[in-house]
Amino acid sequence: MAGSYNEPYRKEVPCMTDYLVLGSLLLVASTWDVKTGKIPNHLIITGYILGFLSIWIREGVDRFWIYAIRAVWPLLQLYGLFYIKAVGAGDIKLLSVISVFFTFDQMVDVMTFFFAFSAMASLIKIIISRWIFGEKVKYIKLNQHLYYMIYHLKNF
């Protein structure tokens, strides 16, 4: 019965607390990535723990395996891109943590935005490297786009 008091409100949809936790985690990961060039595993594990704790509080342990499968599918889908060095390991791990917090439909939107943003950043890096600095780009690492642009524009 829809609207019943026994039915959890908007099941499988993240609540505002989830967005705040995930946003804070991504902010720390982005800062760490820009400073060191890597995203530490303890930050990823913290994200998994917070995500699964939120699910446990909101929906109970019955749906744990559904969310565990959601956490694994970005790893399986993006392994090929990682193998050819098109996507970094930190990016894949963060997408996996995000998939614990979001529904499948929201994850499709996040991954679409991720690839569109990555393509734009790659194009900007190629243009800056070839036209301004005269360098030829052999391969592009996604996690270094922002740092590369800020570093060279700051010294410009």
N, C-alpha and C. Protein backbone atom coordinates (compact mmCIF):
# COMPACT_ATOMS: atom_id res chain seq x y z
N MET A 1 0.85 -1.17 0.00
CA MET A 1 0.00 0.00 0.00
C MET A 1 0.89 1.24 0.00
N ALA A 2 0.74 2.05 -1.01
CA ALA A 2 1.58 3.24 -1.14
C ALA A 2 1.20 4.25 -0.07
N GLY A 3 2.17 4.89 0.49
CA GLY A 3 1.93 5.91 1.49
C GLY A 3 1.74 5.35 2.89
N SER A 4 1.89 4.06 3.05
CA SER A 4 1.73 3.43 4.35
C SER A 4 2.85 3.86 5.28
N TYR A 5 2.56 3.88 6.58
CA TYR A 5 3.58 4.27 7.54
C TYR A 5 4.65 3.20 7.70
N ASN A 6 4.35 1.98 7.31
CA ASN A 6 5.32 0.90 7.42
C ASN A 6 6.33 0.88 6.27
N GLU A 7 6.00 1.56 5.19
CA GLU A 7 6.87 1.57 4.02
C GLU A 7 7.92 2.67 4.16
N PRO A 8 9.20 2.34 3.98
CA PRO A 8 10.23 3.39 4.07
C PRO A 8 10.03 4.45 2.99
N TYR A 9 10.32 5.67 3.36
CA TYR A 9 10.13 6.79 2.44
C TYR A 9 11.17 6.75 1.32
N ARG A 10 10.70 6.70 0.08
CA ARG A 10 11.54 6.74 -1.12
C ARG A 10 12.67 5.72 -1.05
N LYS A 11 12.32 4.48 -0.93
CA LYS A 11 13.31 3.41 -0.83
C LYS A 11 14.25 3.43 -2.03
N GLU A 12 15.50 3.16 -1.81
CA GLU A 12 16.57 3.13 -2.81
C GLU A 12 16.95 4.50 -3.34
N VAL A 13 16.47 5.56 -2.76
CA VAL A 13 16.87 6.91 -3.18
C VAL A 13 17.70 7.51 -2.06
N PRO A 14 18.87 8.04 -2.39
CA PRO A 14 19.72 8.60 -1.35
C PRO A 14 19.05 9.77 -0.64
N CYS A 15 19.28 9.89 0.65
CA CYS A 15 18.75 11.02 1.40
C CYS A 15 19.80 12.14 1.42
N MET A 16 19.43 13.27 1.96
CA MET A 16 20.33 14.43 1.96
C MET A 16 21.63 14.14 2.69
N THR A 17 21.56 13.33 3.75
CA THR A 17 22.77 12.98 4.48
C THR A 17 23.75 12.24 3.58
N ASP A 18 23.23 11.35 2.73
CA ASP A 18 24.09 10.63 1.80
C ASP A 18 24.81 11.58 0.86
N TYR A 19 24.09 12.58 0.36
CA TYR A 19 24.71 13.56 -0.53
C TYR A 19 25.81 14.35 0.19
N LEU A 20 25.56 14.71 1.44
CA LEU A 20 26.58 15.45 2.20
C LEU A 20 27.81 14.60 2.47
N VAL A 21 27.59 13.35 2.87
CA VAL A 21 28.71 12.45 3.13
C VAL A 21 29.51 12.21 1.86
N LEU A 22 28.81 11.91 0.77
CA LEU A 22 29.49 11.64 -0.50
C LEU A 22 30.20 12.88 -1.02
N GLY A 23 29.56 14.04 -0.93
CA GLY A 23 30.19 15.28 -1.37
C GLY A 23 31.46 15.59 -0.59
N SER A 24 31.41 15.38 0.73
CA SER A 24 32.60 15.60 1.57
C SER A 24 33.72 14.63 1.19
N LEU A 25 33.34 13.38 0.99
CA LEU A 25 34.33 12.37 0.61
C LEU A 25 34.97 12.70 -0.73
N LEU A 26 34.17 13.12 -1.70
CA LEU A 26 34.71 13.46 -3.02
C LEU A 26 35.57 14.72 -2.97
N LEU A 27 35.21 15.66 -2.11
CA LEU A 27 36.03 16.86 -1.95
C LEU A 27 37.41 16.52 -1.39
N VAL A 28 37.44 15.66 -0.38
CA VAL A 28 38.72 15.23 0.19
C VAL A 28 39.52 14.44 -0.85
N ALA A 29 38.85 13.55 -1.59
CA ALA A 29 39.54 12.75 -2.61
C ALA A 29 40.11 13.64 -3.72
N SER A 30 39.35 14.63 -4.15
CA SER A 30 39.82 15.54 -5.20
C SER A 30 41.03 16.34 -4.74
N THR A 31 40.97 16.85 -3.52
CA THR A 31 42.09 17.61 -2.98
C THR A 31 43.34 16.73 -2.87
N TRP A 32 43.15 15.53 -2.38
CA TRP A 32 44.27 14.60 -2.23
C TRP A 32 44.86 14.24 -3.59
N ASP A 33 43.98 14.05 -4.57
CA ASP A 33 44.42 13.69 -5.93
C ASP A 33 45.23 14.81 -6.56
N VAL A 34 44.80 16.05 -6.39
CA VAL A 34 45.52 17.18 -6.96
C VAL A 34 46.89 17.33 -6.29
N LYS A 35 46.95 17.13 -4.98
CA LYS A 35 48.22 17.31 -4.26
C LYS A 35 49.21 16.18 -4.49
N THR A 36 48.72 14.93 -4.48
CA THR A 36 49.65 13.80 -4.54
C THR A 36 49.59 13.02 -5.85
N GLY A 37 48.53 13.20 -6.61
CA GLY A 37 48.38 12.44 -7.86
C GLY A 37 47.78 11.06 -7.65
N LYS A 38 47.39 10.74 -6.43
CA LYS A 38 46.79 9.43 -6.12
C LYS A 38 45.65 9.60 -5.13
N ILE A 39 44.73 8.65 -5.17
CA ILE A 39 43.65 8.61 -4.19
C ILE A 39 43.91 7.43 -3.28
N PRO A 40 44.10 7.67 -1.98
CA PRO A 40 44.49 6.58 -1.08
C PRO A 40 43.36 5.57 -0.87
N ASN A 41 43.75 4.33 -0.67
CA ASN A 41 42.78 3.26 -0.48
C ASN A 41 42.00 3.41 0.82
N HIS A 42 42.60 3.99 1.84
CA HIS A 42 41.86 4.14 3.09
C HIS A 42 40.69 5.11 2.94
N LEU A 43 40.80 6.05 2.02
CA LEU A 43 39.69 6.96 1.73
C LEU A 43 38.56 6.20 1.01
N ILE A 44 38.92 5.31 0.11
CA ILE A 44 37.93 4.50 -0.60
C ILE A 44 37.23 3.56 0.38
N ILE A 45 37.98 2.93 1.26
CA ILE A 45 37.39 2.03 2.25
C ILE A 45 36.45 2.80 3.18
N THR A 46 36.83 4.01 3.57
CA THR A 46 35.96 4.86 4.38
C THR A 46 34.65 5.14 3.64
N GLY A 47 34.74 5.39 2.34
CA GLY A 47 33.54 5.62 1.55
C GLY A 47 32.63 4.41 1.50
N TYR A 48 33.22 3.23 1.32
CA TYR A 48 32.42 2.00 1.34
C TYR A 48 31.75 1.80 2.70
N ILE A 49 32.50 1.99 3.77
CA ILE A 49 31.94 1.79 5.11
C ILE A 49 30.78 2.75 5.35
N LEU A 50 30.97 4.03 5.02
CA LEU A 50 29.90 5.02 5.22
C LEU A 50 28.69 4.72 4.35
N GLY A 51 28.94 4.29 3.11
CA GLY A 51 27.83 3.97 2.21
C GLY A 51 27.03 2.77 2.69
N PHE A 52 27.72 1.70 3.06
CA PHE A 52 27.01 0.51 3.53
C PHE A 52 26.36 0.74 4.89
N LEU A 53 26.95 1.57 5.74
CA LEU A 53 26.33 1.92 7.01
C LEU A 53 25.04 2.69 6.77
N SER A 54 25.07 3.61 5.83
CA SER A 54 23.86 4.37 5.49
C SER A 54 22.75 3.45 4.96
N ILE A 55 23.13 2.50 4.12
CA ILE A 55 22.14 1.54 3.60
C ILE A 55 21.58 0.70 4.73
N TRP A 56 22.43 0.26 5.63
CA TRP A 56 22.00 -0.57 6.74
C TRP A 56 21.01 0.18 7.63
N ILE A 57 21.30 1.46 7.89
CA ILE A 57 20.40 2.27 8.72
C ILE A 57 19.09 2.54 7.99
N ARG A 58 19.16 2.86 6.71
CA ARG A 58 17.99 3.26 5.95
C ARG A 58 17.12 2.08 5.52
N GLU A 59 17.73 0.97 5.11
CA GLU A 59 16.97 -0.12 4.50
C GLU A 59 17.16 -1.47 5.17
N GLY A 60 18.05 -1.58 6.12
CA GLY A 60 18.30 -2.86 6.77
C GLY A 60 19.30 -3.70 5.98
N VAL A 61 19.57 -4.89 6.48
CA VAL A 61 20.58 -5.74 5.86
C VAL A 61 20.04 -6.57 4.70
N ASP A 62 18.73 -6.53 4.47
CA ASP A 62 18.13 -7.35 3.41
C ASP A 62 18.67 -7.01 2.02
N ARG A 63 18.96 -5.77 1.77
CA ARG A 63 19.35 -5.31 0.43
C ARG A 63 20.86 -5.13 0.29
N PHE A 64 21.63 -5.63 1.23
CA PHE A 64 23.08 -5.45 1.20
C PHE A 64 23.69 -5.98 -0.08
N TRP A 65 23.28 -7.15 -0.54
CA TRP A 65 23.90 -7.76 -1.72
C TRP A 65 23.61 -6.98 -3.00
N ILE A 66 22.47 -6.34 -3.06
CA ILE A 66 22.17 -5.51 -4.24
C ILE A 66 23.16 -4.36 -4.33
N TYR A 67 23.42 -3.74 -3.20
CA TYR A 67 24.37 -2.63 -3.19
C TYR A 67 25.81 -3.10 -3.37
N ALA A 68 26.12 -4.28 -2.89
CA ALA A 68 27.46 -4.83 -3.11
C ALA A 68 27.69 -5.09 -4.60
N ILE A 69 26.67 -5.58 -5.29
CA ILE A 69 26.78 -5.78 -6.74
C ILE A 69 26.92 -4.44 -7.44
N ARG A 70 26.18 -3.44 -6.98
CA ARG A 70 26.30 -2.10 -7.56
C ARG A 70 27.71 -1.54 -7.37
N ALA A 71 28.37 -1.88 -6.27
CA ALA A 71 29.73 -1.39 -6.03
C ALA A 71 30.73 -2.07 -6.95
N VAL A 72 30.44 -3.30 -7.37
CA VAL A 72 31.39 -4.06 -8.19
C VAL A 72 31.23 -3.75 -9.68
N TRP A 73 30.04 -3.42 -10.15
CA TRP A 73 29.85 -3.30 -11.60
C TRP A 73 30.67 -2.18 -12.25
N PRO A 74 30.94 -1.01 -11.61
CA PRO A 74 31.85 -0.06 -12.26
C PRO A 74 33.27 -0.61 -12.41
N LEU A 75 33.70 -1.42 -11.43
CA LEU A 75 35.03 -2.01 -11.51
C LEU A 75 35.13 -2.94 -12.72
N LEU A 76 34.09 -3.74 -12.92
CA LEU A 76 34.09 -4.68 -14.05
C LEU A 76 33.94 -3.96 -15.39
N GLN A 77 33.08 -2.97 -15.43
CA GLN A 77 32.84 -2.26 -16.69
C GLN A 77 34.03 -1.43 -17.15
N LEU A 78 34.73 -0.83 -16.23
CA LEU A 78 35.79 0.11 -16.59
C LEU A 78 37.18 -0.50 -16.59
N TYR A 79 37.29 -1.80 -16.33
CA TYR A 79 38.61 -2.43 -16.30
C TYR A 79 39.30 -2.33 -17.66
N GLY A 80 38.57 -2.48 -18.74
CA GLY A 80 39.16 -2.37 -20.07
C GLY A 80 39.76 -1.00 -20.31
N LEU A 81 39.07 0.05 -19.89
CA LEU A 81 39.60 1.41 -20.04
C LEU A 81 40.81 1.64 -19.14
N PHE A 82 40.81 1.01 -17.97
CA PHE A 82 41.98 1.10 -17.09
C PHE A 82 43.17 0.38 -17.71
N TYR A 83 42.91 -0.74 -18.35
CA TYR A 83 43.97 -1.54 -18.95
C TYR A 83 44.70 -0.77 -20.05
N ILE A 84 43.96 0.03 -20.83
CA ILE A 84 44.60 0.82 -21.90
C ILE A 84 45.01 2.21 -21.41
N LYS A 85 44.92 2.44 -20.10
CA LYS A 85 45.33 3.68 -19.45
C LYS A 85 44.51 4.89 -19.89
N ALA A 86 43.24 4.65 -20.19
CA ALA A 86 42.34 5.75 -20.52
C ALA A 86 41.69 6.32 -19.27
N VAL A 87 41.60 5.52 -18.22
CA VAL A 87 41.00 5.94 -16.95
C VAL A 87 41.92 5.46 -15.84
N GLY A 88 42.09 6.30 -14.84
CA GLY A 88 42.96 5.94 -13.72
C GLY A 88 42.25 5.05 -12.70
N ALA A 89 43.03 4.37 -11.89
CA ALA A 89 42.48 3.48 -10.87
C ALA A 89 41.68 4.26 -9.83
N GLY A 90 42.14 5.44 -9.48
CA GLY A 90 41.41 6.26 -8.51
C GLY A 90 40.04 6.66 -9.01
N ASP A 91 39.94 6.96 -10.30
CA ASP A 91 38.65 7.32 -10.88
C ASP A 91 37.68 6.15 -10.81
N ILE A 92 38.17 4.97 -11.11
CA ILE A 92 37.32 3.77 -11.07
C ILE A 92 36.89 3.47 -9.64
N LYS A 93 37.81 3.59 -8.69
CA LYS A 93 37.46 3.33 -7.30
C LYS A 93 36.43 4.33 -6.80
N LEU A 94 36.58 5.60 -7.17
CA LEU A 94 35.60 6.60 -6.74
C LEU A 94 34.23 6.36 -7.37
N LEU A 95 34.20 5.96 -8.64
CA LEU A 95 32.92 5.63 -9.26
C LEU A 95 32.26 4.45 -8.56
N SER A 96 33.06 3.51 -8.10
CA SER A 96 32.53 2.37 -7.36
C SER A 96 31.92 2.81 -6.04
N VAL A 97 32.57 3.74 -5.34
CA VAL A 97 32.02 4.25 -4.08
C VAL A 97 30.74 5.04 -4.34
N ILE A 98 30.74 5.85 -5.39
CA ILE A 98 29.54 6.62 -5.74
C ILE A 98 28.37 5.69 -6.03
N SER A 99 28.64 4.56 -6.67
CA SER A 99 27.55 3.63 -7.02
C SER A 99 26.92 2.99 -5.79
N VAL A 100 27.60 2.99 -4.66
CA VAL A 100 26.98 2.48 -3.43
C VAL A 100 25.91 3.46 -2.95
N PHE A 101 26.15 4.74 -3.13
CA PHE A 101 25.22 5.76 -2.64
C PHE A 101 24.05 6.01 -3.59
N PHE A 102 24.24 5.81 -4.89
CA PHE A 102 23.22 6.18 -5.87
C PHE A 102 22.47 4.97 -6.41
N THR A 103 21.33 5.24 -7.01
CA THR A 103 20.57 4.20 -7.70
C THR A 103 21.23 3.93 -9.05
N PHE A 104 20.77 2.87 -9.71
CA PHE A 104 21.35 2.52 -11.01
C PHE A 104 21.13 3.63 -12.03
N ASP A 105 19.93 4.20 -12.08
CA ASP A 105 19.65 5.27 -13.04
C ASP A 105 20.52 6.50 -12.78
N GLN A 106 20.71 6.83 -11.52
CA GLN A 106 21.57 7.96 -11.20
C GLN A 106 23.02 7.67 -11.56
N MET A 107 23.44 6.42 -11.41
CA MET A 107 24.82 6.05 -11.76
C MET A 107 25.06 6.16 -13.25
N VAL A 108 24.06 5.82 -14.05
CA VAL A 108 24.19 5.98 -15.50
C VAL A 108 24.39 7.45 -15.84
N ASP A 109 23.64 8.33 -15.17
CA ASP A 109 23.81 9.77 -15.38
C ASP A 109 25.20 10.25 -14.95
N VAL A 110 25.67 9.76 -13.80
CA VAL A 110 26.99 10.15 -13.30
C VAL A 110 28.08 9.70 -14.27
N MET A 111 27.99 8.46 -14.76
CA MET A 111 29.02 7.95 -15.67
C MET A 111 28.97 8.67 -17.02
N THR A 112 27.77 9.04 -17.48
CA THR A 112 27.66 9.81 -18.72
C THR A 112 28.35 11.17 -18.55
N PHE A 113 28.08 11.84 -17.44
CA PHE A 113 28.73 13.12 -17.16
C PHE A 113 30.24 12.94 -17.03
N PHE A 114 30.66 11.88 -16.36
CA PHE A 114 32.07 11.58 -16.16
C PHE A 114 32.80 11.48 -17.50
N PHE A 115 32.23 10.72 -18.43
CA PHE A 115 32.90 10.55 -19.73
C PHE A 115 32.84 11.81 -20.58
N ALA A 116 31.74 12.56 -20.50
CA ALA A 116 31.65 13.82 -21.24
C ALA A 116 32.68 14.83 -20.71
N PHE A 117 32.78 14.93 -19.39
CA PHE A 117 33.76 15.84 -18.78
C PHE A 117 35.18 15.40 -19.10
N SER A 118 35.43 14.10 -19.07
CA SER A 118 36.77 13.58 -19.38
C SER A 118 37.15 13.88 -20.82
N ALA A 119 36.21 13.72 -21.73
CA ALA A 119 36.49 14.02 -23.14
C ALA A 119 36.80 15.50 -23.33
N MET A 120 36.03 16.37 -22.66
CA MET A 120 36.30 17.80 -22.75
C MET A 120 37.66 18.16 -22.18
N ALA A 121 37.98 17.59 -21.03
CA ALA A 121 39.28 17.87 -20.40
C ALA A 121 40.42 17.37 -21.27
N SER A 122 40.26 16.22 -21.90
CA SER A 122 41.29 15.69 -22.80
C SER A 122 41.50 16.60 -23.99
N LEU A 123 40.42 17.07 -24.56
CA LEU A 123 40.51 17.97 -25.71
C LEU A 123 41.20 19.28 -25.33
N ILE A 124 40.86 19.82 -24.18
CA ILE A 124 41.49 21.06 -23.72
C ILE A 124 42.99 20.83 -23.49
N LYS A 125 43.35 19.70 -22.91
CA LYS A 125 44.76 19.41 -22.67
C LYS A 125 45.53 19.29 -23.99
N ILE A 126 44.95 18.64 -24.97
CA ILE A 126 45.61 18.50 -26.27
C ILE A 126 45.79 19.87 -26.92
N ILE A 127 44.76 20.70 -26.89
CA ILE A 127 44.85 22.03 -27.50
C ILE A 127 45.90 22.88 -26.81
N ILE A 128 45.89 22.89 -25.49
CA ILE A 128 46.88 23.69 -24.74
C ILE A 128 48.29 23.16 -25.00
N SER A 129 48.46 21.86 -24.98
CA SER A 129 49.79 21.28 -25.16
C SER A 129 50.35 21.55 -26.54
N ARG A 130 49.53 21.44 -27.56
CA ARG A 130 50.03 21.60 -28.93
C ARG A 130 50.18 23.04 -29.34
N TRP A 131 49.20 23.88 -29.00
CA TRP A 131 49.23 25.25 -29.50
C TRP A 131 50.06 26.18 -28.65
N ILE A 132 50.02 26.05 -27.36
CA ILE A 132 50.73 26.99 -26.50
C ILE A 132 52.14 26.51 -26.19
N PHE A 133 52.28 25.24 -25.86
CA PHE A 133 53.58 24.74 -25.42
C PHE A 133 54.32 23.97 -26.50
N GLY A 134 53.67 23.66 -27.61
CA GLY A 134 54.32 22.95 -28.70
C GLY A 134 54.62 21.50 -28.38
N GLU A 135 54.02 20.94 -27.35
CA GLU A 135 54.28 19.55 -26.99
C GLU A 135 53.30 18.64 -27.72
N LYS A 136 53.72 17.40 -27.93
CA LYS A 136 52.82 16.40 -28.48
C LYS A 136 52.41 15.48 -27.34
N VAL A 137 51.13 15.22 -27.24
CA VAL A 137 50.60 14.40 -26.16
C VAL A 137 50.55 12.95 -26.64
N LYS A 138 51.26 12.06 -25.95
CA LYS A 138 51.27 10.65 -26.33
C LYS A 138 50.08 9.93 -25.73
N TYR A 139 49.77 10.17 -24.49
CA TYR A 139 48.60 9.60 -23.85
C TYR A 139 48.09 10.59 -22.81
N ILE A 140 46.88 10.39 -22.40
CA ILE A 140 46.24 11.34 -21.51
C ILE A 140 45.78 10.62 -20.25
N LYS A 141 46.16 11.14 -19.11
CA LYS A 141 45.70 10.60 -17.84
C LYS A 141 44.62 11.53 -17.30
N LEU A 142 43.49 10.96 -17.01
CA LEU A 142 42.34 11.74 -16.59
C LEU A 142 42.59 12.49 -15.29
N ASN A 143 43.24 11.87 -14.33
CA ASN A 143 43.38 12.49 -13.01
C ASN A 143 44.38 13.63 -12.98
N GLN A 144 45.10 13.91 -14.07
CA GLN A 144 46.08 14.98 -14.07
C GLN A 144 45.66 16.18 -14.91
N HIS A 145 44.47 16.14 -15.51
CA HIS A 145 44.03 17.25 -16.36
C HIS A 145 43.97 18.57 -15.61
N LEU A 146 43.23 18.57 -14.53
CA LEU A 146 43.03 19.81 -13.79
C LEU A 146 44.34 20.34 -13.25
N TYR A 147 45.15 19.49 -12.65
CA TYR A 147 46.43 19.92 -12.12
C TYR A 147 47.32 20.49 -13.22
N TYR A 148 47.36 19.81 -14.36
CA TYR A 148 48.19 20.24 -15.49
C TYR A 148 47.76 21.63 -15.96
N MET A 149 46.45 21.83 -16.12
CA MET A 149 45.97 23.12 -16.60
C MET A 149 46.24 24.22 -15.59
N ILE A 150 46.00 23.96 -14.31
CA ILE A 150 46.22 24.99 -13.28
C ILE A 150 47.70 25.33 -13.18
N TYR A 151 48.56 24.33 -13.20
CA TYR A 151 50.01 24.55 -13.08
C TYR A 151 50.52 25.41 -14.23
N HIS A 152 50.15 25.07 -15.46
CA HIS A 152 50.68 25.81 -16.60
C HIS A 152 50.03 27.17 -16.76
N LEU A 153 48.77 27.29 -16.40
CA LEU A 153 48.12 28.60 -16.51
C LEU A 153 48.60 29.53 -15.40
N LYS A 154 48.95 28.98 -14.24
CA LYS A 154 49.46 29.78 -13.14
C LYS A 154 50.82 30.34 -13.50
N ASN A 155 51.65 29.57 -14.20
CA ASN A 155 52.99 30.02 -14.59
C ASN A 155 53.01 30.71 -15.94
N PHE A 156 51.88 30.95 -16.51
CA PHE A 156 51.77 31.54 -17.84
C PHE A 156 51.99 33.02 -17.81
